[in-house]
C-alpha atoms as a PDB file:
ATOM      1  CA  MET A   1      -6.428 -28.001  -2.850  1.00  0.00           C
ATOM      2  CA  ALA A   2      -3.454 -26.193  -2.102  1.00  0.00           C
ATOM      3  CA  ALA A   3      -3.386 -24.058   1.051  1.00  0.00           C
ATOM      4  CA  PRO A   4      -3.828 -20.083   0.161  1.00  0.00           C
ATOM      5  CA  PRO A   5      -0.730 -17.860  -0.052  1.00  0.00           C
ATOM      6  CA  LEU A   6       0.036 -16.424   3.492  1.00  0.00           C
ATOM      7  CA  VAL A   7       0.315 -12.669   3.766  1.00  0.00           C
ATOM      8  CA  LEU A   8       2.012 -10.993   6.667  1.00  0.00           C
ATOM      9  CA  SER A   9       0.240  -7.919   7.154  1.00  0.00           C
ATOM     10  CA  ILE A  10       1.919  -5.258   9.518  1.00  0.00           C
ATOM     11  CA  GLN A  11       0.050  -2.100   9.971  1.00  0.00           C
ATOM     12  CA  SER A  12      -2.545  -0.446  12.351  1.00  0.00           C
ATOM     13  CA  HIS A  13      -5.738  -1.573  13.652  1.00  0.00           C
ATOM     14  CA  VAL A  14      -8.732   0.558  14.598  1.00  0.00           C
ATOM     15  CA  ALA A  15     -12.186  -1.513  16.065  1.00  0.00           C
ATOM     16  CA  TYR A  16     -14.116   1.036  14.134  1.00  0.00           C
ATOM     17  CA  GLY A  17     -13.372   2.253  10.761  1.00  0.00           C
ATOM     18  CA  HIS A  18     -11.356   0.672   7.594  1.00  0.00           C
ATOM     19  CA  VAL A  19      -7.579   1.476   7.827  1.00  0.00           C
ATOM     20  CA  GLY A  20      -4.627  -0.263   8.154  1.00  0.00           C
ATOM     21  CA  ASN A  21      -5.411  -4.049   8.576  1.00  0.00           C
ATOM     22  CA  ASP A  22      -9.048  -3.176   9.027  1.00  0.00           C
ATOM     23  CA  ALA A  23      -8.516  -2.453   5.301  1.00  0.00           C
ATOM     24  CA  ALA A  24      -6.396  -4.644   4.028  1.00  0.00           C
ATOM     25  CA  VAL A  25      -7.338  -8.301   5.333  1.00  0.00           C
ATOM     26  CA  LEU A  26     -10.746  -8.484   3.504  1.00  0.00           C
ATOM     27  CA  PRO A  27      -9.831  -7.611   0.044  1.00  0.00           C
ATOM     28  CA  LEU A  28      -6.768  -9.849   0.440  1.00  0.00           C
ATOM     29  CA  GLN A  29      -9.256 -12.650   1.883  1.00  0.00           C
ATOM     30  CA  LEU A  30     -11.840 -12.275  -1.148  1.00  0.00           C
ATOM     31  CA  LEU A  31      -8.337 -12.605  -3.275  1.00  0.00           C
ATOM     32  CA  GLY A  32      -7.830 -15.692  -2.107  1.00  0.00           C
ATOM     33  CA  MET A  33      -5.365 -14.673   0.350  1.00  0.00           C
ATOM     34  CA  GLU A  34      -4.443 -15.975   3.920  1.00  0.00           C
ATOM     35  CA  PRO A  35      -3.657 -12.511   5.744  1.00  0.00           C
ATOM     36  CA  VAL A  36      -2.007 -12.676   9.122  1.00  0.00           C
ATOM     37  CA  ALA A  37      -2.209  -9.592  10.724  1.00  0.00           C
ATOM     38  CA  VAL A  38       0.429  -8.057  13.364  1.00  0.00           C
ATOM     39  CA  HIS A  39      -0.849  -4.548  14.580  1.00  0.00           C
ATOM     40  CA  THR A  40       1.247  -1.682  15.304  1.00  0.00           C
ATOM     41  CA  VAL A  41      -1.214   0.267  16.842  1.00  0.00           C
ATOM     42  CA  GLN A  42      -4.925  -0.556  18.329  1.00  0.00           C
ATOM     43  CA  PHE A  43      -7.166   2.624  18.354  1.00  0.00           C
ATOM     44  CA  SER A  44     -10.560   2.945  18.975  1.00  0.00           C
ATOM     45  CA  ASN A  45     -11.410   4.675  15.334  1.00  0.00           C
ATOM     46  CA  HIS A  46      -9.174   6.238  13.304  1.00  0.00           C
ATOM     47  CA  THR A  47      -8.791  10.130  12.973  1.00  0.00           C
ATOM     48  CA  GLY A  48     -11.484  10.885  10.284  1.00  0.00           C
ATOM     49  CA  TYR A  49     -13.642  10.540  12.899  1.00  0.00           C
ATOM     50  CA  GLY A  50     -11.985  12.806  15.338  1.00  0.00           C
ATOM     51  CA  GLU A  51     -10.950  12.489  18.992  1.00  0.00           C
ATOM     52  CA  PHE A  52      -9.585   8.562  19.481  1.00  0.00           C
ATOM     53  CA  LYS A  53      -8.095   6.325  22.245  1.00  0.00           C
ATOM     54  CA  GLY A  54      -5.572   3.441  22.433  1.00  0.00           C
ATOM     55  CA  GLN A  55      -2.410   3.047  21.904  1.00  0.00           C
ATOM     56  CA  VAL A  56       0.753   2.786  19.999  1.00  0.00           C
ATOM     57  CA  PHE A  57       2.552  -0.493  20.295  1.00  0.00           C
ATOM     58  CA  THR A  58       6.045  -0.974  20.855  1.00  0.00           C
ATOM     59  CA  PRO A  59       8.492  -2.581  18.944  1.00  0.00           C
ATOM     60  CA  ALA A  60       9.100  -5.050  21.652  1.00  0.00           C
ATOM     61  CA  HIS A  61       5.137  -6.023  21.580  1.00  0.00           C
ATOM     62  CA  VAL A  62       5.258  -6.189  17.803  1.00  0.00           C
ATOM     63  CA  GLN A  63       8.432  -8.614  18.414  1.00  0.00           C
ATOM     64  CA  ASP A  64       6.992 -10.839  20.768  1.00  0.00           C
ATOM     65  CA  VAL A  65       3.879 -11.297  18.062  1.00  0.00           C
ATOM     66  CA  LEU A  66       6.237 -12.347  15.812  1.00  0.00           C
ATOM     67  CA  ASP A  67       7.822 -14.612  17.947  1.00  0.00           C
ATOM     68  CA  GLY A  68       4.656 -16.418  18.548  1.00  0.00           C
ATOM     69  CA  LEU A  69       4.086 -16.545  14.783  1.00  0.00           C
ATOM     70  CA  ARG A  70       7.867 -17.995  14.140  1.00  0.00           C
ATOM     71  CA  ALA A  71       6.868 -20.784  16.517  1.00  0.00           C
ATOM     72  CA  ARG A  72       4.104 -22.199  14.810  1.00  0.00           C
ATOM     73  CA  GLY A  73       6.140 -22.188  11.484  1.00  0.00           C
ATOM     74  CA  VAL A  74       4.309 -19.007   9.908  1.00  0.00           C
ATOM     75  CA  LEU A  75       6.922 -16.530   9.246  1.00  0.00           C
ATOM     76  CA  ALA A  76       9.038 -19.489   7.032  1.00  0.00           C
ATOM     77  CA  ARG A  77       5.651 -19.835   4.970  1.00  0.00           C
ATOM     78  CA  CYS A  78       4.881 -16.798   4.050  1.00  0.00           C
ATOM     79  CA  SER A  79       4.429 -15.641   0.231  1.00  0.00           C
ATOM     80  CA  ALA A  80       4.371 -11.864   1.153  1.00  0.00           C
ATOM     81  CA  ILE A  81       4.768  -9.052   3.538  1.00  0.00           C
ATOM     82  CA  LEU A  82       2.795  -6.155   3.586  1.00  0.00           C
ATOM     83  CA  SER A  83       2.939  -3.033   5.805  1.00  0.00           C
ATOM     84  CA  GLY A  84       1.914   0.349   5.992  1.00  0.00           C
ATOM     85  CA  TYR A  85       1.325   3.151   8.690  1.00  0.00           C
ATOM     86  CA  LEU A  86       4.093   3.001  11.615  1.00  0.00           C
ATOM     87  CA  GLY A  87       3.389   4.159  14.583  1.00  0.00           C
ATOM     88  CA  ASP A  88       7.002   3.996  15.552  1.00  0.00           C
ATOM     89  CA  ALA A  89      10.345   4.150  13.655  1.00  0.00           C
ATOM     90  CA  GLY A  90      11.362   1.349  15.789  1.00  0.00           C
ATOM     91  CA  VAL A  91       8.651  -1.041  14.774  1.00  0.00           C
ATOM     92  CA  GLY A  92       9.807  -0.594  11.075  1.00  0.00           C
ATOM     93  CA  GLU A  93      13.038  -2.035  12.181  1.00  0.00           C
ATOM     94  CA  VAL A  94      11.497  -4.963  13.739  1.00  0.00           C
ATOM     95  CA  ILE A  95       9.440  -4.996   9.896  1.00  0.00           C
ATOM     96  CA  LEU A  96      12.584  -5.163   8.164  1.00  0.00           C
ATOM     97  CA  ALA A  97      13.908  -7.678  10.408  1.00  0.00           C
ATOM     98  CA  ALA A  98      11.055 -10.327   9.604  1.00  0.00           C
ATOM     99  CA  VAL A  99      11.411  -9.190   6.307  1.00  0.00           C
ATOM    100  CA  GLN A 100      14.686 -10.581   6.032  1.00  0.00           C
ATOM    101  CA  GLU A 101      14.415 -13.455   8.141  1.00  0.00           C
ATOM    102  CA  VAL A 102      11.115 -14.976   5.861  1.00  0.00           C
ATOM    103  CA  ARG A 103      13.722 -13.873   2.415  1.00  0.00           C
ATOM    104  CA  GLY A 104      16.478 -16.067   4.440  1.00  0.00           C
ATOM    105  CA  ILE A 105      14.166 -19.086   3.781  1.00  0.00           C
ATOM    106  CA  ARG A 106      12.023 -17.774   0.659  1.00  0.00           C
ATOM    107  CA  PRO A 107      14.302 -15.409  -1.502  1.00  0.00           C
ATOM    108  CA  GLU A 108      11.288 -14.782  -3.969  1.00  0.00           C
ATOM    109  CA  VAL A 109       8.797 -12.880  -0.863  1.00  0.00           C
ATOM    110  CA  HIS A 110       7.553  -9.889  -2.059  1.00  0.00           C
ATOM    111  CA  TYR A 111       7.790  -6.928   0.401  1.00  0.00           C
ATOM    112  CA  LEU A 112       5.058  -4.505  -0.384  1.00  0.00           C
ATOM    113  CA  CYS A 113       5.842  -0.998   1.763  1.00  0.00           C
ATOM    114  CA  ASP A 114       3.071   1.462   1.593  1.00  0.00           C
ATOM    115  CA  PRO A 115       5.239   4.126   2.995  1.00  0.00           C
ATOM    116  CA  VAL A 116       2.151   6.139   4.706  1.00  0.00           C
ATOM    117  CA  MET A 117       3.336   9.863   5.607  1.00  0.00           C
ATOM    118  CA  GLY A 118       1.165  12.283   4.718  1.00  0.00           C
ATOM    119  CA  ASP A 119      -0.885  14.204   1.521  1.00  0.00           C
ATOM    120  CA  VAL A 120      -1.474  16.988   0.197  1.00  0.00           C
ATOM    121  CA  GLY A 121      -3.619  19.416   2.067  1.00  0.00           C
ATOM    122  CA  ARG A 122      -2.572  17.866   5.194  1.00  0.00           C
ATOM    123  CA  GLY A 123       1.033  17.639   5.363  1.00  0.00           C
ATOM    124  CA  ILE A 124       3.144  14.974   7.318  1.00  0.00           C
ATOM    125  CA  PHE A 125       1.375  13.367   9.963  1.00  0.00           C
ATOM    126  CA  VAL A 126       3.729  10.586  11.305  1.00  0.00           C
ATOM    127  CA  ARG A 127       5.669  10.759  14.216  1.00  0.00           C
ATOM    128  CA  PRO A 128       9.436  12.538  13.334  1.00  0.00           C
ATOM    129  CA  GLY A 129      11.673  10.240  12.327  1.00  0.00           C
ATOM    130  CA  ILE A 130       9.428   7.529  10.362  1.00  0.00           C
ATOM    131  CA  PRO A 131      10.036   9.690   6.876  1.00  0.00           C
ATOM    132  CA  ASP A 132      13.817   9.325   6.916  1.00  0.00           C
ATOM    133  CA  PHE A 133      13.479   5.435   7.933  1.00  0.00           C
ATOM    134  CA  LEU A 134      11.437   4.685   5.092  1.00  0.00           C
ATOM    135  CA  ARG A 135      13.802   6.733   2.779  1.00  0.00           C
ATOM    136  CA  ARG A 136      16.684   5.738   4.063  1.00  0.00           C
ATOM    137  CA  ARG A 137      15.870   2.149   5.592  1.00  0.00           C
ATOM    138  CA  ALA A 138      12.638   0.301   4.070  1.00  0.00           C
ATOM    139  CA  LEU A 139      13.419   1.382   0.217  1.00  0.00           C
ATOM    140  CA  SER A 140      16.649  -1.010   0.493  1.00  0.00           C
ATOM    141  CA  LEU A 141      14.241  -3.920   0.919  1.00  0.00           C
ATOM    142  CA  ALA A 142      11.327  -2.867  -0.601  1.00  0.00           C
ATOM    143  CA  SER A 143      10.482  -4.818  -3.917  1.00  0.00           C
ATOM    144  CA  VAL A 144       7.159  -2.757  -4.468  1.00  0.00           C
ATOM    145  CA  ILE A 145       6.129   0.608  -2.913  1.00  0.00           C
ATOM    146  CA  THR A 146       2.908   2.634  -3.373  1.00  0.00           C
ATOM    147  CA  PRO A 147       3.306   5.825  -2.644  1.00  0.00           C
ATOM    148  CA  ASN A 148       0.865   8.599  -3.176  1.00  0.00           C
ATOM    149  CA  HIS A 149       2.202  11.734  -4.996  1.00  0.00           C
ATOM    150  CA  TYR A 150       2.857  13.786  -1.990  1.00  0.00           C
ATOM    151  CA  GLU A 151       4.827  10.926  -0.763  1.00  0.00           C
ATOM    152  CA  PHE A 152       6.523  10.062  -3.538  1.00  0.00           C
ATOM    153  CA  GLU A 153       7.814  13.615  -3.359  1.00  0.00           C
ATOM    154  CA  LEU A 154       9.128  13.117  -0.308  1.00  0.00           C
ATOM    155  CA  LEU A 155      10.766  10.107  -1.005  1.00  0.00           C
ATOM    156  CA  SER A 156      12.417  11.725  -4.058  1.00  0.00           C
ATOM    157  CA  GLY A 157      13.399  15.136  -3.018  1.00  0.00           C
ATOM    158  CA  ARG A 158      11.909  16.334  -6.170  1.00  0.00           C
ATOM    159  CA  PRO A 159       8.708  17.689  -7.260  1.00  0.00           C
ATOM    160  CA  LEU A 160       6.800  15.762 -10.085  1.00  0.00           C
ATOM    161  CA  THR A 161       6.041  18.513 -13.072  1.00  0.00           C
ATOM    162  CA  SER A 162       5.358  15.866 -15.370  1.00  0.00           C
ATOM    163  CA  VAL A 163       4.584  12.316 -16.009  1.00  0.00           C
ATOM    164  CA  ALA A 164       7.987  11.691 -17.800  1.00  0.00           C
ATOM    165  CA  ALA A 165       9.523  13.448 -14.623  1.00  0.00           C
ATOM    166  CA  ALA A 166       7.731  11.193 -12.544  1.00  0.00           C
ATOM    167  CA  ILE A 167       9.158   7.767 -14.580  1.00  0.00           C
ATOM    168  CA  GLU A 168      12.661   9.631 -14.292  1.00  0.00           C
ATOM    169  CA  ALA A 169      12.463   9.791 -10.440  1.00  0.00           C
ATOM    170  CA  ALA A 170      10.877   6.504 -10.286  1.00  0.00           C
ATOM    171  CA  ARG A 171      13.603   4.792 -12.377  1.00  0.00           C
ATOM    172  CA  ALA A 172      16.470   6.639 -10.185  1.00  0.00           C
ATOM    173  CA  MET A 173      14.637   4.965  -6.978  1.00  0.00           C
ATOM    174  CA  LEU A 174      14.254   1.578  -8.253  1.00  0.00           C
ATOM    175  CA  ALA A 175      17.781   1.206  -8.290  1.00  0.00           C
ATOM    176  CA  GLN A 176      17.922   1.915  -3.947  1.00  0.00           C
ATOM    177  CA  MET A 177      15.374  -0.978  -3.774  1.00  0.00           C
ATOM    178  CA  HIS A 178      15.660  -4.614  -3.254  1.00  0.00           C
ATOM    179  CA  GLU A 179      16.240  -6.443  -6.766  1.00  0.00           C
ATOM    180  CA  GLY A 180      16.132  -3.128  -8.390  1.00  0.00           C
ATOM    181  CA  PRO A 181      15.661  -4.994 -12.164  1.00  0.00           C
ATOM    182  CA  THR A 182      12.329  -6.496 -10.845  1.00  0.00           C
ATOM    183  CA  ALA A 183      11.147  -4.125  -8.539  1.00  0.00           C
ATOM    184  CA  LEU A 184       7.783  -1.876  -8.713  1.00  0.00           C
ATOM    185  CA  ILE A 185       6.611   1.670  -7.801  1.00  0.00           C
ATOM    186  CA  VAL A 186       3.234   2.657  -8.069  1.00  0.00           C
ATOM    187  CA  ILE A 187       2.484   6.196  -7.857  1.00  0.00           C
ATOM    188  CA  THR A 188      -1.198   7.081  -6.677  1.00  0.00           C
ATOM    189  CA  SER A 189      -3.043  10.353  -6.751  1.00  0.00           C
ATOM    190  CA  LEU A 190      -0.957  11.618  -9.702  1.00  0.00           C
ATOM    191  CA  ARG A 191      -1.697  14.910 -10.364  1.00  0.00           C
ATOM    192  CA  THR A 192       0.781  16.907 -12.955  1.00  0.00           C
ATOM    193  CA  ALA A 193       0.182  19.844 -15.241  1.00  0.00           C
ATOM    194  CA  ASP A 194       0.234  17.657 -18.280  1.00  0.00           C
ATOM    195  CA  LEU A 195      -2.979  15.314 -16.973  1.00  0.00           C
ATOM    196  CA  PRO A 196      -6.406  16.365 -17.647  1.00  0.00           C
ATOM    197  CA  ALA A 197      -7.654  17.909 -14.443  1.00  0.00           C
ATOM    198  CA  ASP A 198     -10.880  15.820 -14.235  1.00  0.00           C
ATOM    199  CA  LYS A 199      -9.243  12.557 -14.058  1.00  0.00           C
ATOM    200  CA  LEU A 200      -6.820  10.859 -11.271  1.00  0.00           C
ATOM    201  CA  ALA A 201      -3.717   8.949 -12.668  1.00  0.00           C
ATOM    202  CA  THR A 202      -1.960   6.088 -11.320  1.00  0.00           C
ATOM    203  CA  LEU A 203       1.625   5.316 -12.795  1.00  0.00           C
ATOM    204  CA  ALA A 204       3.475   2.260 -12.298  1.00  0.00           C
ATOM    205  CA  VAL A 205       7.341   2.057 -12.984  1.00  0.00           C
ATOM    206  CA  THR A 206       9.601  -0.873 -13.522  1.00  0.00           C
ATOM    207  CA  ALA A 207      13.454  -1.003 -15.102  1.00  0.00           C
ATOM    208  CA  GLY A 208      11.511  -1.990 -18.324  1.00  0.00           C
ATOM    209  CA  GLY A 209       8.062  -0.269 -18.658  1.00  0.00           C
ATOM    210  CA  ALA A 210       5.806   2.223 -17.210  1.00  0.00           C
ATOM    211  CA  TRP A 211       1.946   2.323 -16.833  1.00  0.00           C
ATOM    212  CA  LEU A 212      -0.734   5.134 -16.296  1.00  0.00           C
ATOM    213  CA  VAL A 213      -3.959   4.318 -15.223  1.00  0.00           C
ATOM    214  CA  GLN A 214      -6.571   7.098 -15.386  1.00  0.00           C
ATOM    215  CA  THR A 215     -10.064   7.364 -14.128  1.00  0.00           C
ATOM    216  CA  PRO A 216     -12.822  10.237 -13.479  1.00  0.00           C
ATOM    217  CA  PHE A 217     -11.935  12.282 -10.674  1.00  0.00           C
ATOM    218  CA  VAL A 218     -14.863  11.734  -7.855  1.00  0.00           C
ATOM    219  CA  ASP A 219     -14.814  14.857  -5.810  1.00  0.00           C
ATOM    220  CA  LEU A 220     -15.698  13.847  -2.386  1.00  0.00           C
ATOM    221  CA  GLN A 221     -15.725  16.148   0.557  1.00  0.00           C
ATOM    222  CA  PRO A 222     -13.763  14.553   2.660  1.00  0.00           C
ATOM    223  CA  LEU A 223     -12.458  11.965   0.778  1.00  0.00           C
ATOM    224  CA  PRO A 224     -12.638   8.310   2.682  1.00  0.00           C
ATOM    225  CA  ASN A 225      -9.721   7.141   4.963  1.00  0.00           C
ATOM    226  CA  GLY A 226      -7.834   3.857   4.083  1.00  0.00           C
ATOM    227  CA  MET A 227      -8.157   4.106   0.142  1.00  0.00           C
ATOM    228  CA  GLY A 228      -4.210   3.642  -0.041  1.00  0.00           C
ATOM    229  CA  ASP A 229      -4.749   0.564   2.390  1.00  0.00           C
ATOM    230  CA  VAL A 230      -7.395  -0.998   0.187  1.00  0.00           C
ATOM    231  CA  PHE A 231      -5.514  -0.013  -2.936  1.00  0.00           C
ATOM    232  CA  SER A 232      -1.872  -1.466  -1.764  1.00  0.00           C
ATOM    233  CA  ALA A 233      -3.568  -4.817  -0.328  1.00  0.00           C
ATOM    234  CA  VAL A 234      -5.498  -5.132  -3.359  1.00  0.00           C
ATOM    235  CA  LEU A 235      -2.654  -4.777  -5.974  1.00  0.00           C
ATOM    236  CA  LEU A 236      -0.482  -7.132  -3.885  1.00  0.00           C
ATOM    237  CA  GLY A 237      -3.374  -9.748  -3.998  1.00  0.00           C
ATOM    238  CA  HIS A 238      -3.165  -9.354  -7.865  1.00  0.00           C
ATOM    239  CA  LEU A 239       0.677  -9.537  -8.060  1.00  0.00           C
ATOM    240  CA  LEU A 240       0.532 -12.857  -5.792  1.00  0.00           C
ATOM    241  CA  GLN A 241      -1.766 -14.640  -8.488  1.00  0.00           C
ATOM    242  CA  THR A 242       0.859 -13.912 -10.714  1.00  0.00           C
ATOM    243  CA  ARG A 243      -0.923 -11.215 -12.870  1.00  0.00           C
ATOM    244  CA  THR A 244       1.284  -8.938 -14.883  1.00  0.00           C
ATOM    245  CA  VAL A 245       2.115  -5.414 -13.267  1.00  0.00           C
ATOM    246  CA  PRO A 246      -0.691  -3.737 -16.065  1.00  0.00           C
ATOM    247  CA  ASP A 247      -3.379  -6.345 -15.272  1.00  0.00           C
ATOM    248  CA  ALA A 248      -2.321  -5.823 -11.435  1.00  0.00           C
ATOM    249  CA  LEU A 249      -2.391  -2.183 -11.662  1.00  0.00           C
ATOM    250  CA  SER A 250      -5.551  -2.028 -13.938  1.00  0.00           C
ATOM    251  CA  SER A 251      -7.780  -4.331 -11.236  1.00  0.00           C
ATOM    252  CA  ALA A 252      -6.448  -2.619  -8.070  1.00  0.00           C
ATOM    253  CA  VAL A 253      -7.289   0.876  -9.661  1.00  0.00           C
ATOM    254  CA  SER A 254     -10.358  -0.201 -11.084  1.00  0.00           C
ATOM    255  CA  THR A 255     -11.537  -2.063  -7.494  1.00  0.00           C
ATOM    256  CA  LEU A 256     -10.622   1.380  -5.654  1.00  0.00           C
ATOM    257  CA  TYR A 257     -12.830   3.543  -8.311  1.00  0.00           C
ATOM    258  CA  ALA A 258     -15.860   1.203  -7.622  1.00  0.00           C
ATOM    259  CA  LEU A 259     -15.481   1.339  -3.980  1.00  0.00           C
ATOM    260  CA  VAL A 260     -15.019   5.626  -3.925  1.00  0.00           C
ATOM    261  CA  SER A 261     -18.096   5.624  -6.778  1.00  0.00           C
ATOM    262  CA  HIS A 262     -20.142   3.791  -3.961  1.00  0.00           C
ATOM    263  CA  THR A 263     -19.158   6.017  -0.854  1.00  0.00           C
ATOM    264  CA  GLU A 264     -21.840   8.442   0.097  1.00  0.00           C
ATOM    265  CA  SER A 265     -20.826  11.884   0.313  1.00  0.00           C
ATOM    266  CA  GLY A 266     -19.446  12.414   4.286  1.00  0.00           C
ATOM    267  CA  GLN A 267     -18.621   8.984   4.614  1.00  0.00           C
ATOM    268  CA  ARG A 268     -15.512   8.170   6.466  1.00  0.00           C
ATOM    269  CA  ASP A 269     -15.035   4.863   5.070  1.00  0.00           C
ATOM    270  CA  LEU A 270     -15.341   2.794   1.949  1.00  0.00           C
ATOM    271  CA  PRO A 271     -17.641   0.577   2.031  1.00  0.00           C
ATOM    272  CA  LEU A 272     -15.942  -2.674   1.835  1.00  0.00           C
ATOM    273  CA  VAL A 273     -18.265  -5.150   3.087  1.00  0.00           C
ATOM    274  CA  ALA A 274     -21.604  -3.639   1.008  1.00  0.00           C
ATOM    275  CA  CYS A 275     -19.520  -3.540  -2.138  1.00  0.00           C
ATOM    276  CA  ARG A 276     -17.202  -6.605  -1.841  1.00  0.00           C
ATOM    277  CA  GLU A 277     -18.089  -8.217  -5.081  1.00  0.00           C
ATOM    278  CA  GLN A 278     -16.424  -4.738  -6.322  1.00  0.00           C
ATOM    279  CA  ILE A 279     -13.300  -5.933  -4.735  1.00  0.00           C
ATOM    280  CA  MET A 280     -13.362  -9.291  -6.940  1.00  0.00           C
ATOM    281  CA  ARG A 281     -15.161  -8.073  -9.704  1.00  0.00           C
ATOM    282  CA  PRO A 282     -15.156  -4.292 -10.564  1.00  0.00           C
ATOM    283  CA  ALA A 283     -18.117  -3.156 -12.595  1.00  0.00           C
ATOM    284  CA  GLN A 284     -15.832  -1.082 -14.987  1.00  0.00           C
ATOM    285  CA  SER A 285     -12.259  -1.878 -15.953  1.00  0.00           C
ATOM    286  CA  PHE A 286      -9.892   0.921 -16.476  1.00  0.00           C
ATOM    287  CA  ALA A 287      -6.681  -0.069 -18.944  1.00  0.00           C
ATOM    288  CA  ALA A 288      -2.888   0.229 -17.987  1.00  0.00           C
ATOM    289  CA  VAL A 289      -1.506   2.158 -20.936  1.00  0.00           C
ATOM    290  CA  ALA A 290       1.688   1.453 -21.499  1.00  0.00           C
ATOM    291  CA  LEU A 291       4.155   4.877 -21.936  1.00  0.00           C
ATOM    292  CA  ALA A 292       7.319   4.950 -23.629  1.00  0.00           C
ATOM    293  CA  GLY A 293      10.112   5.929 -22.008  1.00  0.00           C
END
């Protein structure tokens, strides 16, 4: 039996709740991946529950863990690298060094960077220096990025007034990314004036194509934390199964919609364990529609 693909996931960790690695590990496992979780922070809970305790790990701490993995030959066997919330821009540099090291052995390795910075209504919620690091440093090594609408505007420096404008801005950004011709940008929670107000859209753009998936808008107040973390992990899992971009996009969006739909009002986390079947086989499938341009 072939060994499952190893995914190095460098993200936050909470003891209680589902964000960061605690949102990514189970979906990756259910999709047949072997996640190797390296934590950038360790908190008691995520901010959705209010006050939290714990620490942001130093770049030296993260590097020390990676050194141990290198000694075991783990880094050399990784098929993909996934990063999310960064507690410190210095940790980001450690991640990029790991990406370059792994690609020195396996050039085809995916690096999916979820550029966590903020959201509509909340604004920027990461430390100073992180948005600039993501824009100036991480983009050049990423093969896939998964910003939400707000984060993409921060990265691109321009407002998204329409789906066509989003495609144009994404194409311009692809040129800055690792292997631009095969790079992928996925913009989640896209809300532009030319989209129905009762729908939530996700747009995927490559150099040669663009696809849009729309789902009904689920009005949960508050929204559960970790939705972007789950989406990125599921998308990466399907891409590693060598599925096409539209198929992987459709599956990832359908899974997230199923999980959100099963989230009770007031819950701060997606029901990953209770609804684990939805991660592997979402009950309802939403097609990725090819767009011109």
